[in-house]
Amino acid sequence: MSGIVKGLGLAEPGVVLKLRPGVQEVVANGEVEAIGLAVALTVIIASQPARVRQEGLAAVRASLACVAMPIRSYNPSVLDSRDKRRMAIGCLCALLLVVIAGAAAWVAVVMLSSTASLSDRLAEAGVIIAGGTLVLALIAAVVAVMAYAAATGLPDLKLQVSFPSSDVNRPRFQGRTGEEDGWFYAQGYKQTTGTVLLRNESAYSAKNPAVIVRLQNLYFLGNPDATLSSGWVVIGFASALGITAVQWDGGPNYSVHGKSVRQLPRLRLEELKHPVDRGPAGLTFELLADGYRREVYLPVELHLTAEQEEPGEQDRAEPEQLPPVWL
C-alpha cells in the first residue's frame, strides 16, 4: 500500500495528510495507509484491462487529491496551546465514548444472554446505566475542577530593574557628600532614571497588576505632579525629607499575559539623597496582582565622585557575582 500511495504521488515527506471523516489514516513519514483505499486500488489495478486500469488510476488519484488536505509539518516535539487544548478535549471525548460504548455493550450482553426474567434483566440494565451515569458525573466533576484551576491560576512575576550607570538589578549611583549635613546626594538625573520590566513566567495572566517601590533610607524630591503624569503615584512622603514610596497601577485593562514581558513607565528618582548615618540604602519592589503578592529587595550602592573619593578607594575589589537577570 505504501508503494501504491507513493506511485500516485500523493505522499510527500514531512507532510501530514488529513483525510475526511470515514477514512482511516495512519501518519508515518508522510505516507497514508488507508484500508478502504487499498481495497479500491486493488480492485481497480488487478481486475481491469490495461486501458481501463489507467483511467481508474487517474480517477483514484483525483479522488485522493480531493479527500487529502495537506496541513502543517508534523513535529510532535512542538505543541502550542491550541494543540494541547485539542488533545485534552479529544482525550475527554474518547473517554466519554468508551464509557457510553461500554455501558451499551454491557446492557446488550445482559439483555441477550441472561436467563433471568425480563423484569430482572431490566433491573440489571438499570443498574448498569446508573453506574455509567455515575462515571459520567465523575468525569464532569473532573472537567469542572480543571476549568476552575485554569480560571484561578496564579501568575509568577519576575522583576528586572536597570539604571544607566548600573548593572541589571544592581542599582549604583554616584554623587557627593553634603557640606552641611554630610548626606549623600546623587548627581544628575539620568543615572537615577530607571527601567522596570515585569516578566510573567506562568501560563496564567497577572490580572490587575501593580508595583510598589519603597525606598529604604533613601529620599528623592521629584515633583509629585510630574511623577503622577509619568504613571507613578506618590504614596509615601516624609516631611522635610522627600518621597519614600511610589506606586504604579496597571488596572484591569493592563494584564501581564502568561509567558510575556511588560515594560513599566520610567522610574525617576530625581534629587536622590541618602542619610549616611541611618543604615544601608535599598529599594523594595512589591509585585501585586489578583491573588498574588511578592517582594523583591535590591541593595543600592552609593559611590562618591572622583573628586571626593578617598585614596585607594578605586582599588577596592568589586563583587564578582552579579545578580540574576530576573528576580
Protein backbone atom coordinates (compact mmCIF):
# COMPACT_ATOMS: atom_id res chain seq x y z
CA MET A 1 0.00 0.00 0.00
CA SER A 2 2.85 2.38 0.79
CA GLY A 3 4.32 1.86 -2.69
CA ILE A 4 0.97 2.41 -4.34
CA VAL A 5 0.43 5.69 -2.50
CA LYS A 6 3.94 6.81 -3.42
CA GLY A 7 3.31 5.87 -7.03
CA LEU A 8 0.24 8.05 -7.08
CA GLY A 9 2.41 10.99 -6.00
CA LEU A 10 0.24 11.89 -3.01
CA ALA A 11 2.72 11.32 -0.20
CA GLU A 12 5.33 13.97 0.46
CA PRO A 13 7.97 13.53 3.18
CA GLY A 14 7.31 15.62 6.28
CA VAL A 15 3.70 16.44 5.35
CA VAL A 16 0.65 15.21 7.22
CA LEU A 17 -2.34 14.35 5.10
CA LYS A 18 -5.62 14.94 6.89
CA LEU A 19 -8.40 12.78 5.49
CA ARG A 20 -12.07 13.47 5.71
CA PRO A 21 -14.19 11.56 8.27
CA GLY A 22 -14.81 7.92 7.42
CA VAL A 23 -11.33 7.25 6.02
CA GLN A 24 -8.87 5.56 8.36
CA GLU A 25 -5.40 7.15 8.40
CA VAL A 26 -2.03 6.39 9.88
CA VAL A 27 0.65 9.07 9.55
CA ALA A 28 4.22 7.82 9.25
CA ASN A 29 6.93 9.74 7.36
CA GLY A 30 4.41 11.39 5.08
CA GLU A 31 2.72 8.12 3.93
CA VAL A 32 -1.00 7.46 4.19
CA GLU A 33 -2.28 3.96 4.97
CA ALA A 34 -5.98 3.60 4.28
CA ILE A 35 -7.68 0.20 4.29
CA GLY A 36 -10.64 1.31 2.25
CA LEU A 37 -8.45 2.94 -0.37
CA ALA A 38 -6.21 -0.15 -0.56
CA VAL A 39 -9.20 -2.34 -1.39
CA ALA A 40 -10.39 0.10 -4.05
CA LEU A 41 -6.94 0.35 -5.61
CA THR A 42 -6.52 -3.43 -5.62
CA VAL A 43 -9.82 -3.92 -7.42
CA ILE A 44 -9.03 -1.25 -9.99
CA ILE A 45 -5.48 -2.41 -10.69
CA ALA A 46 -5.99 -6.17 -10.66
CA SER A 47 -9.38 -6.69 -12.21
CA GLN A 48 -9.50 -4.18 -15.05
CA PRO A 49 -7.94 -4.13 -18.52
CA ALA A 50 -4.91 -2.00 -19.17
CA ARG A 51 -6.77 0.97 -20.68
CA VAL A 52 -9.49 0.95 -18.04
CA ARG A 53 -6.80 0.45 -15.40
CA GLN A 54 -5.08 3.70 -16.43
CA GLU A 55 -8.35 5.59 -16.34
CA GLY A 56 -9.16 4.08 -12.97
CA LEU A 57 -5.80 5.09 -11.53
CA ALA A 58 -6.38 8.63 -12.79
CA ALA A 59 -9.80 8.67 -11.16
CA VAL A 60 -8.44 7.32 -7.88
CA ARG A 61 -5.64 9.89 -7.94
CA ALA A 62 -8.19 12.67 -8.39
CA SER A 63 -10.36 11.26 -5.59
CA LEU A 64 -7.42 11.07 -3.21
CA ALA A 65 -6.47 14.63 -4.10
CA CYS A 66 -9.96 15.70 -3.08
CA VAL A 67 -10.10 13.87 0.25
CA ALA A 68 -6.48 14.54 1.20
CA MET A 69 -5.78 18.00 2.58
CA PRO A 70 -2.13 18.89 3.30
CA ILE A 71 -1.69 20.69 6.60
CA ARG A 72 1.36 21.84 8.57
CA SER A 73 4.53 19.81 9.00
CA TYR A 74 4.20 17.20 11.70
CA ASN A 75 6.55 17.74 14.63
CA PRO A 76 5.42 16.03 17.85
CA SER A 77 8.03 17.89 19.92
CA VAL A 78 6.41 21.28 19.19
CA LEU A 79 2.92 21.72 20.61
CA ASP A 80 1.29 25.09 21.09
CA SER A 81 -1.59 25.81 23.45
CA ARG A 82 -4.17 25.03 20.76
CA ASP A 83 -2.67 21.58 20.16
CA LYS A 84 -2.65 20.82 23.87
CA ARG A 85 -6.24 22.01 24.18
CA ARG A 86 -7.32 19.81 21.29
CA MET A 87 -5.51 16.84 22.81
CA ALA A 88 -7.18 17.36 26.19
CA ILE A 89 -10.64 17.72 24.66
CA GLY A 90 -10.03 14.73 22.40
CA CYS A 91 -8.99 12.55 25.35
CA LEU A 92 -12.10 13.57 27.31
CA CYS A 93 -14.35 12.86 24.33
CA ALA A 94 -12.68 9.48 23.81
CA LEU A 95 -13.20 8.66 27.48
CA LEU A 96 -16.88 9.59 27.24
CA LEU A 97 -17.31 7.42 24.17
CA VAL A 98 -15.61 4.50 25.90
CA VAL A 99 -17.90 4.81 28.91
CA ILE A 100 -21.04 5.06 26.78
CA ALA A 101 -20.00 2.22 24.48
CA GLY A 102 -19.04 0.02 27.43
CA ALA A 103 -22.36 0.63 29.16
CA ALA A 104 -24.29 -0.04 25.95
CA ALA A 105 -22.36 -3.26 25.28
CA TRP A 106 -22.89 -4.44 28.85
CA VAL A 107 -26.62 -3.74 28.61
CA ALA A 108 -26.80 -5.65 25.32
CA VAL A 109 -24.98 -8.64 26.81
CA VAL A 110 -27.25 -8.68 29.85
CA MET A 111 -30.41 -8.37 27.80
CA LEU A 112 -29.45 -11.03 25.24
CA SER A 113 -27.51 -13.63 27.21
CA SER A 114 -29.13 -13.57 30.62
CA THR A 115 -31.56 -16.37 31.50
CA ALA A 116 -33.32 -14.29 34.15
CA SER A 117 -36.81 -12.96 33.77
CA LEU A 118 -37.48 -9.79 31.81
CA SER A 119 -38.01 -7.73 34.94
CA ASP A 120 -34.68 -8.91 36.40
CA ARG A 121 -32.85 -8.14 33.16
CA LEU A 122 -34.39 -4.66 33.06
CA ALA A 123 -33.29 -4.13 36.65
CA GLU A 124 -29.73 -5.20 35.81
CA ALA A 125 -29.73 -2.89 32.81
CA GLY A 126 -30.93 -0.03 35.04
CA VAL A 127 -28.06 -0.68 37.45
CA ILE A 128 -25.55 -0.62 34.59
CA ILE A 129 -26.98 2.64 33.23
CA ALA A 130 -26.88 4.16 36.72
CA GLY A 131 -23.24 3.15 37.04
CA GLY A 132 -22.43 4.72 33.69
CA THR A 133 -24.24 7.88 34.76
CA LEU A 134 -22.11 7.98 37.90
CA VAL A 135 -18.94 7.66 35.83
CA LEU A 136 -20.09 10.48 33.56
CA ALA A 137 -20.82 12.63 36.61
CA LEU A 138 -17.31 11.97 37.92
CA ILE A 139 -15.83 12.96 34.56
CA ALA A 140 -17.91 16.15 34.59
CA ALA A 141 -16.62 16.91 38.09
CA VAL A 142 -13.02 16.45 36.95
CA VAL A 143 -13.64 18.78 33.99
CA ALA A 144 -15.18 21.38 36.32
CA VAL A 145 -12.17 21.21 38.64
CA MET A 146 -9.80 21.60 35.67
CA ALA A 147 -11.78 24.61 34.43
CA TYR A 148 -11.66 26.17 37.91
CA ALA A 149 -7.91 25.61 38.11
CA ALA A 150 -7.42 27.21 34.69
CA ALA A 151 -9.55 30.22 35.66
CA THR A 152 -7.92 30.81 39.07
CA GLY A 153 -4.28 30.00 38.28
CA LEU A 154 -1.74 32.40 39.79
CA PRO A 155 0.97 34.22 37.83
CA ASP A 156 4.69 34.04 38.55
CA LEU A 157 6.07 37.56 38.24
CA LYS A 158 9.78 38.29 37.92
CA LEU A 159 11.41 41.71 38.11
CA GLN A 160 14.20 43.43 36.22
CA VAL A 161 15.46 46.91 37.16
CA SER A 162 18.19 48.75 35.29
CA PHE A 163 19.71 52.23 35.61
CA PRO A 164 22.05 53.83 33.03
CA SER A 165 25.20 53.69 35.19
CA SER A 166 24.44 50.34 36.84
CA ASP A 167 24.34 46.63 36.12
CA VAL A 168 20.96 44.95 35.78
CA ASN A 169 19.30 44.53 39.20
CA ARG A 170 22.25 46.24 40.85
CA PRO A 171 21.49 49.96 41.35
CA ARG A 172 24.60 52.06 41.66
CA PHE A 173 24.70 55.84 41.89
CA GLN A 174 27.49 58.39 42.02
CA GLY A 175 27.30 61.60 43.97
CA ARG A 176 28.83 63.88 46.50
CA THR A 177 28.70 64.43 50.25
CA GLY A 178 26.79 67.45 51.52
CA GLU A 179 28.90 70.03 53.31
CA GLU A 180 26.31 70.87 55.95
CA ASP A 181 24.57 67.58 56.78
CA GLY A 182 27.05 65.00 55.46
CA TRP A 183 24.32 63.22 53.44
CA PHE A 184 24.96 61.56 50.10
CA TYR A 185 23.45 63.40 47.11
CA ALA A 186 23.25 61.68 43.72
CA GLN A 187 24.41 63.92 40.89
CA GLY A 188 22.47 64.26 37.65
CA TYR A 189 19.04 62.95 36.78
CA LYS A 190 19.89 60.47 34.01
CA GLN A 191 21.60 57.96 36.29
CA THR A 192 18.56 57.90 38.61
CA THR A 193 16.04 57.26 35.80
CA GLY A 194 15.42 53.54 35.76
CA THR A 195 13.63 51.00 33.58
CA VAL A 196 11.40 48.45 35.26
CA LEU A 197 10.32 45.25 33.48
CA LEU A 198 7.85 42.61 34.61
CA ARG A 199 8.02 39.08 33.29
CA ASN A 200 5.26 36.54 33.83
CA GLU A 201 6.78 33.06 33.75
CA SER A 202 3.45 31.37 34.42
CA ALA A 203 0.88 30.39 31.81
CA TYR A 204 -1.78 32.37 33.71
CA SER A 205 -2.23 36.12 33.22
CA ALA A 206 -1.43 38.57 36.00
CA LYS A 207 -4.70 40.49 36.22
CA ASN A 208 -4.89 44.00 37.64
CA PRO A 209 -1.12 44.24 38.23
CA ALA A 210 0.54 46.84 40.44
CA VAL A 211 4.08 47.61 41.61
CA ILE A 212 5.01 49.48 44.78
CA VAL A 213 8.54 50.85 45.21
CA ARG A 214 9.58 51.61 48.78
CA LEU A 215 12.83 53.46 49.41
CA GLN A 216 14.90 52.25 52.35
CA ASN A 217 16.95 55.11 53.87
CA LEU A 218 16.57 56.96 50.59
CA TYR A 219 14.56 60.04 49.63
CA PHE A 220 14.00 61.87 46.39
CA LEU A 221 12.49 65.28 45.70
CA GLY A 222 10.73 64.73 42.40
CA ASN A 223 7.75 66.84 41.51
CA PRO A 224 4.64 64.89 42.66
CA ASP A 225 2.64 66.17 39.68
CA ALA A 226 5.36 65.08 37.23
CA THR A 227 5.61 61.72 38.97
CA LEU A 228 1.85 61.26 38.67
CA SER A 229 1.87 62.13 34.96
CA SER A 230 4.58 59.53 34.33
CA GLY A 231 2.37 56.75 35.70
CA TRP A 232 3.73 56.57 39.28
CA VAL A 233 1.70 57.82 42.23
CA VAL A 234 3.32 59.07 45.43
CA ILE A 235 2.05 57.01 48.37
CA GLY A 236 4.78 57.74 50.92
CA PHE A 237 6.29 61.08 51.90
CA ALA A 238 8.50 62.06 54.82
CA SER A 239 8.06 65.67 55.85
CA ALA A 240 11.08 67.87 55.08
CA LEU A 241 12.93 64.84 53.62
CA GLY A 242 11.21 63.71 50.44
CA ILE A 243 9.28 60.92 48.76
CA THR A 244 9.69 57.45 50.25
CA ALA A 245 7.28 55.30 48.21
CA VAL A 246 5.56 55.34 44.81
CA GLN A 247 3.07 53.00 43.17
CA TRP A 248 2.19 52.03 39.60
CA ASP A 249 -1.24 50.55 38.86
CA GLY A 250 -1.87 48.70 35.64
CA GLY A 251 -5.59 48.33 36.21
CA PRO A 252 -7.90 45.65 34.82
CA ASN A 253 -7.04 46.54 31.21
CA TYR A 254 -3.28 46.15 31.59
CA SER A 255 -2.79 42.47 32.32
CA VAL A 256 0.61 40.83 32.05
CA HIS A 257 -0.14 37.80 29.92
CA GLY A 258 1.46 34.44 30.50
CA LYS A 259 4.99 33.97 29.16
CA SER A 260 5.30 37.67 28.29
CA VAL A 261 7.21 40.79 29.37
CA ARG A 262 5.72 44.17 30.21
CA GLN A 263 7.67 47.42 30.48
CA LEU A 264 6.53 49.90 33.11
CA PRO A 265 6.82 53.70 32.89
CA ARG A 266 10.22 55.15 33.65
CA LEU A 267 11.04 55.35 37.35
CA ARG A 268 12.52 58.81 38.01
CA LEU A 269 14.27 59.23 41.36
CA GLU A 270 15.24 62.87 40.93
CA GLU A 271 17.47 64.55 43.50
CA LEU A 272 18.05 61.26 45.30
CA LYS A 273 19.72 61.54 48.71
CA HIS A 274 20.78 59.22 51.50
CA PRO A 275 21.44 59.85 55.21
CA VAL A 276 24.72 58.05 55.73
CA ASP A 277 24.19 57.56 59.47
CA ARG A 278 20.83 55.73 59.10
CA GLY A 279 21.95 52.40 57.67
CA PRO A 280 22.32 50.90 54.20
CA ALA A 281 20.23 52.11 51.28
CA GLY A 282 17.93 49.88 49.30
CA LEU A 283 14.81 49.57 47.14
CA THR A 284 11.94 47.20 47.91
CA PHE A 285 9.68 46.28 44.99
CA GLU A 286 6.30 44.82 45.88
CA LEU A 287 4.72 42.95 42.95
CA LEU A 288 0.94 42.67 43.13
CA ALA A 289 -1.84 41.07 41.09
CA ASP A 290 -5.21 39.48 41.79
CA GLY A 291 -4.48 36.85 44.46
CA TYR A 292 -0.72 37.38 44.16
CA ARG A 293 1.90 39.27 46.18
CA ARG A 294 5.69 39.11 46.18
CA GLU A 295 8.52 41.34 47.41
CA VAL A 296 11.99 41.85 45.93
CA TYR A 297 14.71 43.79 47.74
CA LEU A 298 17.60 45.43 45.88
CA PRO A 299 20.52 46.91 47.81
CA VAL A 300 21.72 50.25 46.46
CA GLU A 301 25.41 51.05 46.05
CA LEU A 302 26.44 54.67 46.55
CA HIS A 303 29.83 55.90 45.31
CA LEU A 304 31.46 59.29 45.61
CA THR A 305 32.71 61.09 42.55
CA ALA A 306 36.39 61.05 41.68
CA GLU A 307 36.94 64.43 43.40
CA GLN A 308 35.62 63.16 46.73
CA GLU A 309 36.92 59.58 46.68
CA GLU A 310 39.30 58.64 49.44
CA PRO A 311 42.79 57.46 48.46
CA GLY A 312 42.81 53.81 47.48
CA GLU A 313 39.03 53.56 47.07
CA GLN A 314 39.30 52.89 43.34
CA ASP A 315 41.45 49.85 44.07
CA ARG A 316 38.78 48.16 46.14
CA ALA A 317 37.64 44.88 44.64
CA GLU A 318 34.14 44.83 43.19
CA PRO A 319 31.82 41.88 43.84
CA GLU A 320 32.37 39.33 41.10
CA GLN A 321 28.97 37.67 41.25
CA LEU A 322 26.23 39.69 39.60
CA PRO A 323 22.56 39.24 40.50
CA PRO A 324 20.33 37.22 38.16
CA VAL A 325 18.82 38.98 35.19
CA TRP A 326 15.33 38.27 36.53
CA LEU A 327 14.49 38.37 40.24
